[in-house]
């Protein structure tokens, strides 16, 4: 299996990502996906849990940037409460948006973790950009046909990852 598709870490949800874990890995910034990572696809705004988690990251000195393939209007609306750097229509897994986020965060690529729910966009793109990657379990199972098709192949990669990292805290039973 190609390592370029493997996350550095796999967690159940964003709340499992703590400042201590990031510090241990010398991560000073996070690039965050929106849909199915922070909130379900159909939710327009950040909920209280997301806002609180973001605020705790900020309080710990972690720099944050949203990088989403979503439309401008979607990303702006979602970011109203959070007031983070945000890049819309990122065309992930292309490296350009990840590199732009690193520039905005004023950090080296190795100091940044990409957090997302999709292996072929977030993880592959983050790994290609030389960043640490954190895969989260998708929040909602309601997804478009193309994403559902990609999930079939992602599950194969994830099973290999989980076998190789059987001591990890989280497993999804696959």
C-alpha atoms as a PDB file:
ATOM      1  CA  UNK A   1       0.000   0.000   0.000  1.00  0.00           C
ATOM      2  CA  UNK A   2       1.287   3.439  -0.866  1.00  0.00           C
ATOM      3  CA  UNK A   3       2.230   5.482   2.199  1.00  0.00           C
ATOM      4  CA  UNK A   4       1.093   8.670   0.432  1.00  0.00           C
ATOM      5  CA  UNK A   5      -2.515   7.610   1.156  1.00  0.00           C
ATOM      6  CA  UNK A   6      -1.943   6.792   4.840  1.00  0.00           C
ATOM      7  CA  UNK A   7      -2.714   9.264   7.615  1.00  0.00           C
ATOM      8  CA  UNK A   8      -0.223   9.997  10.354  1.00  0.00           C
ATOM      9  CA  UNK A   9      -3.059   9.570  12.821  1.00  0.00           C
ATOM     10  CA  UNK A  10      -6.662   8.301  12.684  1.00  0.00           C
ATOM     11  CA  UNK A  11      -9.178   9.542  15.252  1.00  0.00           C
ATOM     12  CA  UNK A  12     -12.903   9.207  15.770  1.00  0.00           C
ATOM     13  CA  UNK A  13     -13.587  12.975  15.650  1.00  0.00           C
ATOM     14  CA  UNK A  14     -11.928  16.357  16.085  1.00  0.00           C
ATOM     15  CA  UNK A  15     -12.446  16.372  19.853  1.00  0.00           C
ATOM     16  CA  UNK A  16      -9.847  13.588  20.044  1.00  0.00           C
ATOM     17  CA  UNK A  17      -7.254  15.995  18.643  1.00  0.00           C
ATOM     18  CA  UNK A  18      -5.753  17.767  21.627  1.00  0.00           C
ATOM     19  CA  UNK A  19      -3.108  20.424  22.037  1.00  0.00           C
ATOM     20  CA  UNK A  20      -0.976  17.840  23.870  1.00  0.00           C
ATOM     21  CA  UNK A  21      -1.075  15.442  20.902  1.00  0.00           C
ATOM     22  CA  UNK A  22      -0.124  18.272  18.551  1.00  0.00           C
ATOM     23  CA  UNK A  23       2.693  19.470  20.805  1.00  0.00           C
ATOM     24  CA  UNK A  24       4.062  15.911  21.012  1.00  0.00           C
ATOM     25  CA  UNK A  25       4.296  15.893  17.206  1.00  0.00           C
ATOM     26  CA  UNK A  26       5.654  19.480  17.014  1.00  0.00           C
ATOM     27  CA  UNK A  27       2.507  20.628  15.188  1.00  0.00           C
ATOM     28  CA  UNK A  28       1.824  24.355  15.481  1.00  0.00           C
ATOM     29  CA  UNK A  29      -0.955  24.725  12.894  1.00  0.00           C
ATOM     30  CA  UNK A  30      -3.989  22.905  11.582  1.00  0.00           C
ATOM     31  CA  UNK A  31      -5.560  22.940   8.144  1.00  0.00           C
ATOM     32  CA  UNK A  32      -9.200  21.974   8.589  1.00  0.00           C
ATOM     33  CA  UNK A  33     -11.690  20.509   6.151  1.00  0.00           C
ATOM     34  CA  UNK A  34     -15.317  21.505   6.770  1.00  0.00           C
ATOM     35  CA  UNK A  35     -17.780  18.998   5.335  1.00  0.00           C
ATOM     36  CA  UNK A  36     -18.017  15.763   7.290  1.00  0.00           C
ATOM     37  CA  UNK A  37     -14.937  16.734   9.320  1.00  0.00           C
ATOM     38  CA  UNK A  38     -16.146  19.653  11.437  1.00  0.00           C
ATOM     39  CA  UNK A  39     -19.871  19.395  10.650  1.00  0.00           C
ATOM     40  CA  UNK A  40     -22.150  17.235   8.490  1.00  0.00           C
ATOM     41  CA  UNK A  41     -22.406  18.282   4.820  1.00  0.00           C
ATOM     42  CA  UNK A  42     -25.884  19.751   5.290  1.00  0.00           C
ATOM     43  CA  UNK A  43     -25.001  21.972   8.291  1.00  0.00           C
ATOM     44  CA  UNK A  44     -24.282  25.588   7.361  1.00  0.00           C
ATOM     45  CA  UNK A  45     -22.679  26.887  10.560  1.00  0.00           C
ATOM     46  CA  UNK A  46     -20.219  25.712  13.164  1.00  0.00           C
ATOM     47  CA  UNK A  47     -21.994  24.295  16.204  1.00  0.00           C
ATOM     48  CA  UNK A  48     -21.050  24.951  19.829  1.00  0.00           C
ATOM     49  CA  UNK A  49     -18.777  21.889  20.014  1.00  0.00           C
ATOM     50  CA  UNK A  50     -16.787  23.018  16.976  1.00  0.00           C
ATOM     51  CA  UNK A  51     -16.571  26.608  18.223  1.00  0.00           C
ATOM     52  CA  UNK A  52     -15.361  25.430  21.648  1.00  0.00           C
ATOM     53  CA  UNK A  53     -12.781  23.077  20.136  1.00  0.00           C
ATOM     54  CA  UNK A  54     -11.498  25.817  17.814  1.00  0.00           C
ATOM     55  CA  UNK A  55     -11.265  28.245  20.742  1.00  0.00           C
ATOM     56  CA  UNK A  56      -9.340  25.686  22.820  1.00  0.00           C
ATOM     57  CA  UNK A  57      -6.893  25.192  19.939  1.00  0.00           C
ATOM     58  CA  UNK A  58      -6.445  28.950  19.585  1.00  0.00           C
ATOM     59  CA  UNK A  59      -5.929  29.308  23.356  1.00  0.00           C
ATOM     60  CA  UNK A  60      -3.168  26.695  23.110  1.00  0.00           C
ATOM     61  CA  UNK A  61      -1.429  28.757  20.442  1.00  0.00           C
ATOM     62  CA  UNK A  62      -2.389  26.541  17.503  1.00  0.00           C
ATOM     63  CA  UNK A  63      -2.866  28.459  14.249  1.00  0.00           C
ATOM     64  CA  UNK A  64      -5.858  27.427  12.136  1.00  0.00           C
ATOM     65  CA  UNK A  65      -6.959  27.659   8.533  1.00  0.00           C
ATOM     66  CA  UNK A  66      -9.950  26.182   6.717  1.00  0.00           C
ATOM     67  CA  UNK A  67      -9.188  24.589   3.357  1.00  0.00           C
ATOM     68  CA  UNK A  68     -12.332  23.351   1.653  1.00  0.00           C
ATOM     69  CA  UNK A  69     -13.364  22.241  -1.792  1.00  0.00           C
ATOM     70  CA  UNK A  70     -16.701  23.877  -0.976  1.00  0.00           C
ATOM     71  CA  UNK A  71     -18.088  26.957  -2.669  1.00  0.00           C
ATOM     72  CA  UNK A  72     -17.141  30.473  -1.540  1.00  0.00           C
ATOM     73  CA  UNK A  73     -20.607  31.171  -0.111  1.00  0.00           C
ATOM     74  CA  UNK A  74     -20.555  27.917   1.909  1.00  0.00           C
ATOM     75  CA  UNK A  75     -17.115  28.519   3.376  1.00  0.00           C
ATOM     76  CA  UNK A  76     -17.772  32.189   4.216  1.00  0.00           C
ATOM     77  CA  UNK A  77     -21.044  31.340   5.980  1.00  0.00           C
ATOM     78  CA  UNK A  78     -19.416  28.519   7.922  1.00  0.00           C
ATOM     79  CA  UNK A  79     -16.480  30.709   8.962  1.00  0.00           C
ATOM     80  CA  UNK A  80     -18.588  33.646  10.252  1.00  0.00           C
ATOM     81  CA  UNK A  81     -18.319  32.602  13.924  1.00  0.00           C
ATOM     82  CA  UNK A  82     -14.834  31.155  13.693  1.00  0.00           C
ATOM     83  CA  UNK A  83     -13.054  34.019  11.924  1.00  0.00           C
ATOM     84  CA  UNK A  84     -10.228  31.809  10.660  1.00  0.00           C
ATOM     85  CA  UNK A  85      -8.188  32.062   7.516  1.00  0.00           C
ATOM     86  CA  UNK A  86     -10.224  30.234   4.894  1.00  0.00           C
ATOM     87  CA  UNK A  87      -9.635  28.975   1.377  1.00  0.00           C
ATOM     88  CA  UNK A  88     -12.621  27.854  -0.692  1.00  0.00           C
ATOM     89  CA  UNK A  89     -12.699  25.851  -3.949  1.00  0.00           C
ATOM     90  CA  UNK A  90      -9.315  24.478  -2.909  1.00  0.00           C
ATOM     91  CA  UNK A  91      -9.257  21.736  -5.553  1.00  0.00           C
ATOM     92  CA  UNK A  92      -7.824  19.244  -3.062  1.00  0.00           C
ATOM     93  CA  UNK A  93      -5.750  17.106  -3.398  1.00  0.00           C
ATOM     94  CA  UNK A  94      -3.829  19.718  -5.410  1.00  0.00           C
ATOM     95  CA  UNK A  95      -0.991  21.156  -3.318  1.00  0.00           C
ATOM     96  CA  UNK A  96      -1.631  24.825  -4.115  1.00  0.00           C
ATOM     97  CA  UNK A  97      -4.236  25.494  -1.396  1.00  0.00           C
ATOM     98  CA  UNK A  98      -2.224  23.610   1.241  1.00  0.00           C
ATOM     99  CA  UNK A  99       0.851  25.686   0.430  1.00  0.00           C
ATOM    100  CA  UNK A 100      -1.208  28.897   0.497  1.00  0.00           C
ATOM    101  CA  UNK A 101      -2.554  27.912   3.927  1.00  0.00           C
ATOM    102  CA  UNK A 102       1.013  27.345   5.183  1.00  0.00           C
ATOM    103  CA  UNK A 103       1.912  30.828   3.944  1.00  0.00           C
ATOM    104  CA  UNK A 104      -1.110  32.352   5.726  1.00  0.00           C
ATOM    105  CA  UNK A 105      -0.270  30.488   8.944  1.00  0.00           C
ATOM    106  CA  UNK A 106       3.384  31.537   8.630  1.00  0.00           C
ATOM    107  CA  UNK A 107       4.534  28.006   9.400  1.00  0.00           C
ATOM    108  CA  UNK A 108       6.709  25.420   7.708  1.00  0.00           C
ATOM    109  CA  UNK A 109       4.849  22.519   6.132  1.00  0.00           C
ATOM    110  CA  UNK A 110       6.285  20.038   8.654  1.00  0.00           C
ATOM    111  CA  UNK A 111       4.716  22.119  11.483  1.00  0.00           C
ATOM    112  CA  UNK A 112       1.195  21.735  10.061  1.00  0.00           C
ATOM    113  CA  UNK A 113      -1.343  18.922  10.274  1.00  0.00           C
ATOM    114  CA  UNK A 114      -4.130  18.511   7.748  1.00  0.00           C
ATOM    115  CA  UNK A 115      -7.378  17.307   9.342  1.00  0.00           C
ATOM    116  CA  UNK A 116     -10.038  15.771   7.125  1.00  0.00           C
ATOM    117  CA  UNK A 117     -12.398  12.861   6.518  1.00  0.00           C
ATOM    118  CA  UNK A 118     -11.299  11.817   3.009  1.00  0.00           C
ATOM    119  CA  UNK A 119      -8.172   9.888   2.135  1.00  0.00           C
ATOM    120  CA  UNK A 120      -8.074  10.867  -1.544  1.00  0.00           C
ATOM    121  CA  UNK A 121      -8.417  14.612  -0.929  1.00  0.00           C
ATOM    122  CA  UNK A 122      -7.312  15.628   2.576  1.00  0.00           C
ATOM    123  CA  UNK A 123      -4.797  12.905   3.417  1.00  0.00           C
ATOM    124  CA  UNK A 124      -3.294  12.465  -0.041  1.00  0.00           C
ATOM    125  CA  UNK A 125      -3.073  16.236  -0.560  1.00  0.00           C
ATOM    126  CA  UNK A 126      -1.597  16.892   2.881  1.00  0.00           C
ATOM    127  CA  UNK A 127       0.968  14.133   2.503  1.00  0.00           C
ATOM    128  CA  UNK A 128       1.957  15.443  -0.931  1.00  0.00           C
ATOM    129  CA  UNK A 129       2.501  18.876   0.627  1.00  0.00           C
ATOM    130  CA  UNK A 130       4.833  17.396   3.266  1.00  0.00           C
ATOM    131  CA  UNK A 131       2.398  17.926   6.138  1.00  0.00           C
ATOM    132  CA  UNK A 132       1.315  15.627   8.946  1.00  0.00           C
ATOM    133  CA  UNK A 133      -2.162  14.213   8.285  1.00  0.00           C
ATOM    134  CA  UNK A 134      -5.021  13.333  10.616  1.00  0.00           C
ATOM    135  CA  UNK A 135      -7.950  11.342   9.298  1.00  0.00           C
ATOM    136  CA  UNK A 136     -11.261  11.652  11.151  1.00  0.00           C
ATOM    137  CA  UNK A 137     -14.218   9.346  10.825  1.00  0.00           C
ATOM    138  CA  UNK A 138     -16.872  11.003   8.598  1.00  0.00           C
ATOM    139  CA  UNK A 139     -19.627  12.591  10.705  1.00  0.00           C
ATOM    140  CA  UNK A 140     -22.542  11.789   8.393  1.00  0.00           C
ATOM    141  CA  UNK A 141     -23.150   8.845   6.083  1.00  0.00           C
ATOM    142  CA  UNK A 142     -25.294  10.925   3.713  1.00  0.00           C
ATOM    143  CA  UNK A 143     -22.896  11.686   0.881  1.00  0.00           C
ATOM    144  CA  UNK A 144     -22.941  12.106  -2.866  1.00  0.00           C
ATOM    145  CA  UNK A 145     -22.552   9.119  -5.183  1.00  0.00           C
ATOM    146  CA  UNK A 146     -18.975   9.985  -6.142  1.00  0.00           C
ATOM    147  CA  UNK A 147     -17.872  10.231  -2.494  1.00  0.00           C
ATOM    148  CA  UNK A 148     -19.637   6.942  -1.697  1.00  0.00           C
ATOM    149  CA  UNK A 149     -17.711   5.294  -4.528  1.00  0.00           C
ATOM    150  CA  UNK A 150     -14.416   6.681  -3.204  1.00  0.00           C
ATOM    151  CA  UNK A 151     -15.287   5.385   0.274  1.00  0.00           C
ATOM    152  CA  UNK A 152     -15.143   1.795  -1.026  1.00  0.00           C
ATOM    153  CA  UNK A 153     -11.468   2.237  -1.899  1.00  0.00           C
ATOM    154  CA  UNK A 154     -10.791   4.296   1.233  1.00  0.00           C
ATOM    155  CA  UNK A 155     -12.067   1.444   3.425  1.00  0.00           C
ATOM    156  CA  UNK A 156      -9.458  -0.882   1.890  1.00  0.00           C
ATOM    157  CA  UNK A 157      -6.675   1.573   2.659  1.00  0.00           C
ATOM    158  CA  UNK A 158      -8.048   2.160   6.147  1.00  0.00           C
ATOM    159  CA  UNK A 159      -8.167  -1.566   6.925  1.00  0.00           C
ATOM    160  CA  UNK A 160      -4.488  -1.809   6.021  1.00  0.00           C
ATOM    161  CA  UNK A 161      -3.700   1.198   8.193  1.00  0.00           C
ATOM    162  CA  UNK A 162      -5.630  -0.238  11.148  1.00  0.00           C
ATOM    163  CA  UNK A 163      -3.902  -3.620  10.819  1.00  0.00           C
ATOM    164  CA  UNK A 164      -0.498  -1.926  10.813  1.00  0.00           C
ATOM    165  CA  UNK A 165      -1.476   0.278  13.759  1.00  0.00           C
ATOM    166  CA  UNK A 166      -3.490  -2.207  15.801  1.00  0.00           C
ATOM    167  CA  UNK A 167      -2.338  -0.589  19.033  1.00  0.00           C
ATOM    168  CA  UNK A 168      -4.147   2.640  18.079  1.00  0.00           C
ATOM    169  CA  UNK A 169      -6.988   3.692  20.377  1.00  0.00           C
ATOM    170  CA  UNK A 170      -9.626   3.979  17.664  1.00  0.00           C
ATOM    171  CA  UNK A 171     -10.891   1.280  15.358  1.00  0.00           C
ATOM    172  CA  UNK A 172     -14.106   1.329  13.358  1.00  0.00           C
ATOM    173  CA  UNK A 173     -14.726  -2.411  13.270  1.00  0.00           C
ATOM    174  CA  UNK A 174     -13.824  -2.878   9.572  1.00  0.00           C
END
